[in-house]
Protein backbone atom coordinates (compact mmCIF):
# COMPACT_ATOMS: atom_id res chain seq x y z
CA MET A 1 0.00 0.00 0.00
CA THR A 2 1.32 3.41 -0.96
CA GLN A 3 1.46 5.93 1.86
CA GLN A 4 0.84 9.62 1.43
CA THR A 5 1.92 12.54 3.58
CA ILE A 6 -0.52 15.25 4.55
CA ARG A 7 -0.01 18.46 6.52
CA ILE A 8 -2.20 18.92 9.59
CA ASP A 9 -2.38 22.06 11.69
CA ARG A 10 -0.08 21.55 14.71
CA GLN A 11 -2.71 22.51 17.30
CA LEU A 12 -5.27 20.18 15.72
CA TRP A 13 -2.74 17.33 15.63
CA ASP A 14 -1.73 17.90 19.27
CA THR A 15 -5.38 17.83 20.33
CA LEU A 16 -5.93 14.62 18.36
CA THR A 17 -2.83 12.90 19.76
CA ASN A 18 -3.82 13.84 23.32
CA LEU A 19 -7.30 12.42 22.82
CA ALA A 20 -5.91 9.30 21.16
CA ALA A 21 -3.50 8.77 24.07
CA LYS A 22 -6.35 9.06 26.60
CA LYS A 23 -8.25 6.40 24.65
CA GLY A 24 -5.19 4.19 24.15
CA ARG A 25 -5.36 4.62 20.37
CA ASN A 26 -2.71 5.24 17.76
CA PRO A 27 -3.31 8.75 16.32
CA GLN A 28 -2.57 7.65 12.77
CA ALA A 29 -5.01 4.73 13.06
CA LEU A 30 -7.60 7.15 14.44
CA VAL A 31 -7.14 9.49 11.46
CA ASN A 32 -7.48 6.54 9.07
CA GLN A 33 -10.71 5.52 10.81
CA LEU A 34 -12.08 9.07 10.63
CA ILE A 35 -11.32 9.28 6.91
CA ARG A 36 -13.00 5.91 6.27
CA GLU A 37 -16.09 7.02 8.23
CA TYR A 38 -16.23 10.31 6.31
CA LEU A 39 -16.01 8.48 2.98
CA GLN A 40 -18.79 6.09 4.10
CA VAL A 41 -21.03 9.02 5.06
CA GLU A 42 -20.44 10.67 1.68
CA GLU A 43 -21.16 7.39 -0.09
CA ASP A 44 -24.37 7.00 1.92
CA LYS A 45 -25.44 10.53 0.97
CA ALA A 46 -24.91 9.73 -2.69
CA LEU A 47 -26.83 6.50 -2.27
CA PHE A 48 -29.80 8.29 -0.73
CA ARG A 49 -29.75 10.91 -3.51
CA ASP A 50 -29.92 8.04 -6.00
CA MET A 51 -32.77 6.46 -4.03
CA ARG A 52 -34.79 9.68 -4.15
CA ARG A 53 -34.17 10.03 -7.87
CA ASP A 54 -35.13 6.37 -8.53
CA LEU A 55 -38.34 6.66 -6.55
CA ARG A 56 -39.57 9.64 -8.59
CA GLY A 57 -42.03 10.83 -5.96
CA ARG A 58 -43.00 7.41 -4.55
CA GLU A 59 -42.19 6.95 -0.88
CA MET A 60 -40.07 3.99 0.07
CA THR A 61 -41.09 1.90 3.08
CA ASP A 62 -38.62 1.43 5.93
CA SER A 63 -38.04 -2.19 4.98
CA GLU A 64 -37.44 -1.20 1.33
CA SER A 65 -34.92 1.44 2.48
CA VAL A 66 -33.07 -1.03 4.67
CA GLU A 67 -32.98 -3.65 1.92
CA PHE A 68 -31.76 -1.06 -0.61
CA VAL A 69 -28.86 -0.06 1.65
CA HIS A 70 -27.99 -3.68 2.48
CA ARG A 71 -28.00 -4.64 -1.21
CA HIS A 72 -25.78 -1.66 -2.06
CA ARG A 73 -23.30 -2.53 0.68
CA ARG A 74 -23.20 -6.22 -0.36
CA GLU A 75 -22.44 -5.13 -3.92
CA LYS A 76 -19.76 -2.74 -2.68
CA ARG A 77 -18.12 -5.48 -0.56
CA ALA A 78 -18.20 -7.86 -3.54
CA GLN A 79 -16.47 -5.24 -5.71
CA LEU A 80 -13.79 -4.67 -3.08
CA THR A 81 -13.25 -8.41 -2.64
CA SER A 82 -12.94 -8.97 -6.39
CA ARG A 83 -10.34 -6.17 -6.64
CA LYS A 84 -8.27 -7.71 -3.84
CA THR A 85 -8.33 -11.19 -5.35
CA GLY A 86 -8.11 -10.06 -8.99
């Protein structure tokens, strides 16, 4: 895996490392987790925009919404798995 370097404001980094130390976490691992969570939130927002567009005014039931999200995530996992093995 290729690693990249980013510049983070010193005060922000110090605050993060202090918090990570209190929680017994590695600051770099914490940043990686935060980035992954942010990307997941953005992906979910895009997914829900697509859902609204696909419904074209029809309301989706709760169970339909849950199934839609589960299906999307299964497909996403399958894509990631095929890239790792391919």
